Amino acid sequence: MELQNRSQEIQTLGARVVAVSVDPVEQSKSLVDQLKLGFPILQDRNHALGSVFGVFRLPSGMDMGDVDNHSIFVIDASGHLRWKELAAERHAALDEALLDLPLDCQRLIALLIADPPAPYAEISARLGIPVGSIGPTRRRYLDKLRQHPAVAALITAETQTAR
């Protein structure tokens, strides 16, 4: 995880990394332990932090807006939000990019990201692609995904944040 690798640098700049979740503390602690995170996950069941940092809103009724179960914030020493990452943004960009790809590409990627991933022999049989072509085809399709404007914007934002 990029933020975890840059934790010392972020702290030197007077900022700190916290993850915020609506999940119970015990569940988040388990995630911190499992992933060996170098930062805490704070519980925000009433959305107080999400509201302060602009990722939770209730403009009308129960519209949840941008809220996501696990968000990551970089907050400077004066308490200002300097960077945030919402899993929902990544999922939305990827979904948009996938829908713009040809159907055969969507099918191949779906089989490759299945849990567990389908073996190449099965992919070959289901899609009529020679086994030896699956890897190169996958690479071309992933390149197309990276070039999609929604995904490219996320990559650019992450690259600029890493500087």
C-alpha atoms as a PDB file:
ATOM      1  CA  MET A   1       0.000   0.000   0.000  1.00  0.00           C
ATOM      2  CA  GLU A   2       1.471   3.316  -1.120  1.00  0.00           C
ATOM      3  CA  LEU A   3       0.546   5.230   2.027  1.00  0.00           C
ATOM      4  CA  GLN A   4       1.982   2.582   4.287  1.00  0.00           C
ATOM      5  CA  ASN A   5       5.270   2.633   2.360  1.00  0.00           C
ATOM      6  CA  ARG A   6       5.436   6.421   2.687  1.00  0.00           C
ATOM      7  CA  SER A   7       4.319   6.619   6.312  1.00  0.00           C
ATOM      8  CA  GLN A   8       7.603   8.086   7.614  1.00  0.00           C
ATOM      9  CA  GLU A   9       7.655  10.726   4.867  1.00  0.00           C
ATOM     10  CA  ILE A  10       4.050  11.686   5.578  1.00  0.00           C
ATOM     11  CA  GLN A  11       4.756  12.013   9.320  1.00  0.00           C
ATOM     12  CA  THR A  12       7.864  14.116   8.604  1.00  0.00           C
ATOM     13  CA  LEU A  13       5.604  16.504   6.695  1.00  0.00           C
ATOM     14  CA  GLY A  14       3.433  16.866   9.787  1.00  0.00           C
ATOM     15  CA  ALA A  15       0.596  14.720   8.450  1.00  0.00           C
ATOM     16  CA  ARG A  16      -0.748  11.389   9.591  1.00  0.00           C
ATOM     17  CA  VAL A  17      -2.639   8.573   7.931  1.00  0.00           C
ATOM     18  CA  VAL A  18      -5.881   7.252   9.388  1.00  0.00           C
ATOM     19  CA  ALA A  19      -8.437   4.980   7.878  1.00  0.00           C
ATOM     20  CA  VAL A  20     -12.069   5.601   8.768  1.00  0.00           C
ATOM     21  CA  SER A  21     -14.733   2.922   8.721  1.00  0.00           C
ATOM     22  CA  VAL A  22     -18.329   2.542   9.742  1.00  0.00           C
ATOM     23  CA  ASP A  23     -17.417  -0.997  10.831  1.00  0.00           C
ATOM     24  CA  PRO A  24     -17.095  -1.902  14.522  1.00  0.00           C
ATOM     25  CA  VAL A  25     -13.677  -1.330  16.125  1.00  0.00           C
ATOM     26  CA  GLU A  26     -13.091  -5.080  16.580  1.00  0.00           C
ATOM     27  CA  GLN A  27     -13.586  -5.749  12.868  1.00  0.00           C
ATOM     28  CA  SER A  28     -11.288  -2.868  11.906  1.00  0.00           C
ATOM     29  CA  LYS A  29      -8.625  -3.981  14.398  1.00  0.00           C
ATOM     30  CA  SER A  30      -8.702  -7.409  12.818  1.00  0.00           C
ATOM     31  CA  LEU A  31      -8.168  -5.799   9.396  1.00  0.00           C
ATOM     32  CA  VAL A  32      -5.278  -3.680  10.730  1.00  0.00           C
ATOM     33  CA  ASP A  33      -3.647  -6.820  12.158  1.00  0.00           C
ATOM     34  CA  GLN A  34      -4.297  -8.918   9.064  1.00  0.00           C
ATOM     35  CA  LEU A  35      -2.919  -6.318   6.630  1.00  0.00           C
ATOM     36  CA  LYS A  36      -0.211  -5.136   9.049  1.00  0.00           C
ATOM     37  CA  LEU A  37      -1.280  -1.540   8.509  1.00  0.00           C
ATOM     38  CA  GLY A  38       0.960   1.119   9.941  1.00  0.00           C
ATOM     39  CA  PHE A  39      -1.982   3.379  10.715  1.00  0.00           C
ATOM     40  CA  PRO A  40      -5.225   3.078  12.689  1.00  0.00           C
ATOM     41  CA  ILE A  41      -8.742   2.563  11.396  1.00  0.00           C
ATOM     42  CA  LEU A  42     -11.101   4.857  13.286  1.00  0.00           C
ATOM     43  CA  GLN A  43     -14.741   3.973  13.826  1.00  0.00           C
ATOM     44  CA  ASP A  44     -17.218   6.451  12.366  1.00  0.00           C
ATOM     45  CA  ARG A  45     -20.586   4.798  12.932  1.00  0.00           C
ATOM     46  CA  ASN A  46     -22.444   8.112  13.152  1.00  0.00           C
ATOM     47  CA  HIS A  47     -20.566   9.554  10.124  1.00  0.00           C
ATOM     48  CA  ALA A  48     -19.130  12.488  12.105  1.00  0.00           C
ATOM     49  CA  LEU A  49     -15.657  12.197  10.541  1.00  0.00           C
ATOM     50  CA  GLY A  50     -17.072  11.468   7.111  1.00  0.00           C
ATOM     51  CA  SER A  51     -19.153  14.633   7.358  1.00  0.00           C
ATOM     52  CA  VAL A  52     -16.203  16.755   8.507  1.00  0.00           C
ATOM     53  CA  PHE A  53     -14.018  15.520   5.654  1.00  0.00           C
ATOM     54  CA  GLY A  54     -16.727  15.803   3.037  1.00  0.00           C
ATOM     55  CA  VAL A  55     -17.279  12.154   2.187  1.00  0.00           C
ATOM     56  CA  PHE A  56     -20.679  11.787   3.807  1.00  0.00           C
ATOM     57  CA  ARG A  57     -23.709  13.899   3.095  1.00  0.00           C
ATOM     58  CA  LEU A  58     -27.424  13.752   3.650  1.00  0.00           C
ATOM     59  CA  PRO A  59     -28.777  16.368   1.240  1.00  0.00           C
ATOM     60  CA  SER A  60     -32.218  14.788   1.121  1.00  0.00           C
ATOM     61  CA  GLY A  61     -33.512  11.840   3.051  1.00  0.00           C
ATOM     62  CA  MET A  62     -30.961   9.049   3.333  1.00  0.00           C
ATOM     63  CA  ASP A  63     -28.810   9.769   0.260  1.00  0.00           C
ATOM     64  CA  MET A  64     -25.406   8.468   1.340  1.00  0.00           C
ATOM     65  CA  GLY A  65     -23.476  10.419  -1.302  1.00  0.00           C
ATOM     66  CA  ASP A  66     -19.790   9.533  -1.489  1.00  0.00           C
ATOM     67  CA  VAL A  67     -19.614   7.446   1.676  1.00  0.00           C
ATOM     68  CA  ASP A  68     -17.673   4.181   1.498  1.00  0.00           C
ATOM     69  CA  ASN A  69     -17.008   1.600   4.206  1.00  0.00           C
ATOM     70  CA  HIS A  70     -13.248   2.146   4.219  1.00  0.00           C
ATOM     71  CA  SER A  71     -11.813   5.523   3.295  1.00  0.00           C
ATOM     72  CA  ILE A  72      -8.247   6.717   3.758  1.00  0.00           C
ATOM     73  CA  PHE A  73      -7.449  10.335   4.625  1.00  0.00           C
ATOM     74  CA  VAL A  74      -4.196  12.272   4.868  1.00  0.00           C
ATOM     75  CA  ILE A  75      -4.664  15.065   7.397  1.00  0.00           C
ATOM     76  CA  ASP A  76      -2.016  17.726   7.974  1.00  0.00           C
ATOM     77  CA  ALA A  77      -0.869  18.988  11.397  1.00  0.00           C
ATOM     78  CA  SER A  78      -3.552  21.696  11.391  1.00  0.00           C
ATOM     79  CA  GLY A  79      -6.304  19.141  10.788  1.00  0.00           C
ATOM     80  CA  HIS A  80      -6.887  19.919   7.102  1.00  0.00           C
ATOM     81  CA  LEU A  81      -7.662  17.113   4.701  1.00  0.00           C
ATOM     82  CA  ARG A  82      -4.836  16.886   2.140  1.00  0.00           C
ATOM     83  CA  TRP A  83      -5.708  13.634   0.355  1.00  0.00           C
ATOM     84  CA  LYS A  84      -8.403  10.962   0.451  1.00  0.00           C
ATOM     85  CA  GLU A  85      -9.009   7.632  -1.178  1.00  0.00           C
ATOM     86  CA  LEU A  86     -12.435   6.077  -1.471  1.00  0.00           C
ATOM     87  CA  ALA A  87     -12.750   2.541  -2.767  1.00  0.00           C
ATOM     88  CA  ALA A  88     -16.045   3.559  -4.368  1.00  0.00           C
ATOM     89  CA  GLU A  89     -14.202   5.979  -6.682  1.00  0.00           C
ATOM     90  CA  ARG A  90     -11.946   3.202  -7.923  1.00  0.00           C
ATOM     91  CA  HIS A  91     -14.841   0.807  -8.413  1.00  0.00           C
ATOM     92  CA  ALA A  92     -16.891   3.399 -10.317  1.00  0.00           C
ATOM     93  CA  ALA A  93     -13.976   4.238 -12.626  1.00  0.00           C
ATOM     94  CA  LEU A  94     -13.257   0.574 -13.284  1.00  0.00           C
ATOM     95  CA  ASP A  95     -16.928  -0.243 -13.891  1.00  0.00           C
ATOM     96  CA  GLU A  96     -17.199   2.636 -16.372  1.00  0.00           C
ATOM     97  CA  ALA A  97     -14.042   1.523 -18.189  1.00  0.00           C
ATOM     98  CA  LEU A  98     -15.109  -2.131 -18.302  1.00  0.00           C
ATOM     99  CA  LEU A  99     -18.497  -1.263 -19.786  1.00  0.00           C
ATOM    100  CA  ASP A 100     -16.761   0.635 -22.592  1.00  0.00           C
ATOM    101  CA  LEU A 101     -14.684  -2.402 -23.574  1.00  0.00           C
ATOM    102  CA  PRO A 102     -15.852  -4.990 -26.126  1.00  0.00           C
ATOM    103  CA  LEU A 103     -17.903  -7.875 -24.730  1.00  0.00           C
ATOM    104  CA  ASP A 104     -15.153 -10.458 -25.369  1.00  0.00           C
ATOM    105  CA  CYS A 105     -12.771  -8.326 -23.321  1.00  0.00           C
ATOM    106  CA  GLN A 106     -15.301  -8.036 -20.483  1.00  0.00           C
ATOM    107  CA  ARG A 107     -15.755 -11.816 -20.451  1.00  0.00           C
ATOM    108  CA  LEU A 108     -12.012 -12.510 -20.337  1.00  0.00           C
ATOM    109  CA  ILE A 109     -11.405 -10.049 -17.513  1.00  0.00           C
ATOM    110  CA  ALA A 110     -14.371 -11.428 -15.564  1.00  0.00           C
ATOM    111  CA  LEU A 111     -12.934 -14.945 -15.769  1.00  0.00           C
ATOM    112  CA  LEU A 112      -9.466 -13.740 -14.775  1.00  0.00           C
ATOM    113  CA  ILE A 113     -10.672 -11.832 -11.704  1.00  0.00           C
ATOM    114  CA  ALA A 114     -13.119 -14.476 -10.547  1.00  0.00           C
ATOM    115  CA  ASP A 115     -12.453 -15.863  -7.083  1.00  0.00           C
ATOM    116  CA  PRO A 116     -10.796 -18.257  -7.600  1.00  0.00           C
ATOM    117  CA  PRO A 117      -9.577 -17.258 -11.092  1.00  0.00           C
ATOM    118  CA  ALA A 118     -10.515 -19.646 -13.859  1.00  0.00           C
ATOM    119  CA  PRO A 119      -7.622 -21.766 -15.165  1.00  0.00           C
ATOM    120  CA  TYR A 120      -6.351 -20.829 -18.633  1.00  0.00           C
ATOM    121  CA  ALA A 121      -7.575 -24.169 -20.029  1.00  0.00           C
ATOM    122  CA  GLU A 122     -11.116 -23.356 -18.889  1.00  0.00           C
ATOM    123  CA  ILE A 123     -10.885 -19.803 -20.247  1.00  0.00           C
ATOM    124  CA  SER A 124      -9.663 -21.175 -23.552  1.00  0.00           C
ATOM    125  CA  ALA A 125     -12.575 -23.610 -23.778  1.00  0.00           C
ATOM    126  CA  ARG A 126     -15.222 -21.075 -22.737  1.00  0.00           C
ATOM    127  CA  LEU A 127     -14.040 -18.197 -24.904  1.00  0.00           C
ATOM    128  CA  GLY A 128     -12.471 -20.049 -27.823  1.00  0.00           C
ATOM    129  CA  ILE A 129      -9.077 -18.398 -27.269  1.00  0.00           C
ATOM    130  CA  PRO A 130      -5.870 -20.440 -27.573  1.00  0.00           C
ATOM    131  CA  VAL A 131      -4.221 -20.850 -24.176  1.00  0.00           C
ATOM    132  CA  GLY A 132      -1.045 -19.178 -25.456  1.00  0.00           C
ATOM    133  CA  SER A 133      -3.019 -16.080 -26.450  1.00  0.00           C
ATOM    134  CA  ILE A 134      -4.686 -15.473 -23.088  1.00  0.00           C
ATOM    135  CA  GLY A 135      -1.724 -13.697 -21.445  1.00  0.00           C
ATOM    136  CA  PRO A 136      -0.986 -11.330 -24.353  1.00  0.00           C
ATOM    137  CA  THR A 137      -4.707 -10.660 -24.837  1.00  0.00           C
ATOM    138  CA  ARG A 138      -5.069  -9.916 -21.140  1.00  0.00           C
ATOM    139  CA  ARG A 139      -2.175  -7.465 -21.350  1.00  0.00           C
ATOM    140  CA  ARG A 140      -3.756  -5.613 -24.306  1.00  0.00           C
ATOM    141  CA  TYR A 141      -7.110  -5.400 -22.519  1.00  0.00           C
ATOM    142  CA  LEU A 142      -5.524  -4.162 -19.282  1.00  0.00           C
ATOM    143  CA  ASP A 143      -3.662  -1.522 -21.295  1.00  0.00           C
ATOM    144  CA  LYS A 144      -7.016  -0.433 -22.759  1.00  0.00           C
ATOM    145  CA  LEU A 145      -8.437  -0.201 -19.228  1.00  0.00           C
ATOM    146  CA  ARG A 146      -5.497   1.951 -18.085  1.00  0.00           C
ATOM    147  CA  GLN A 147      -6.029   4.282 -21.053  1.00  0.00           C
ATOM    148  CA  HIS A 148      -9.726   4.811 -20.341  1.00  0.00           C
ATOM    149  CA  PRO A 149     -10.227   8.435 -19.175  1.00  0.00           C
ATOM    150  CA  ALA A 150     -11.803   7.446 -15.833  1.00  0.00           C
ATOM    151  CA  VAL A 151      -9.001   5.026 -14.927  1.00  0.00           C
ATOM    152  CA  ALA A 152      -6.287   7.281 -16.366  1.00  0.00           C
ATOM    153  CA  ALA A 153      -7.536  10.110 -14.132  1.00  0.00           C
ATOM    154  CA  LEU A 154      -7.155   7.899 -11.034  1.00  0.00           C
ATOM    155  CA  ILE A 155      -3.669   6.823 -12.105  1.00  0.00           C
ATOM    156  CA  THR A 156      -2.684  10.446 -12.701  1.00  0.00           C
ATOM    157  CA  ALA A 157      -4.056  11.503  -9.308  1.00  0.00           C
ATOM    158  CA  GLU A 158      -2.125   8.714  -7.572  1.00  0.00           C
ATOM    159  CA  THR A 159       1.066   9.596  -9.429  1.00  0.00           C
ATOM    160  CA  GLN A 160       0.751  13.249  -8.418  1.00  0.00           C
ATOM    161  CA  THR A 161       0.061  12.259  -4.799  1.00  0.00           C
ATOM    162  CA  ALA A 162       3.165  10.036  -4.776  1.00  0.00           C
ATOM    163  CA  ARG A 163       5.430  13.028  -5.556  1.00  0.00           C
END
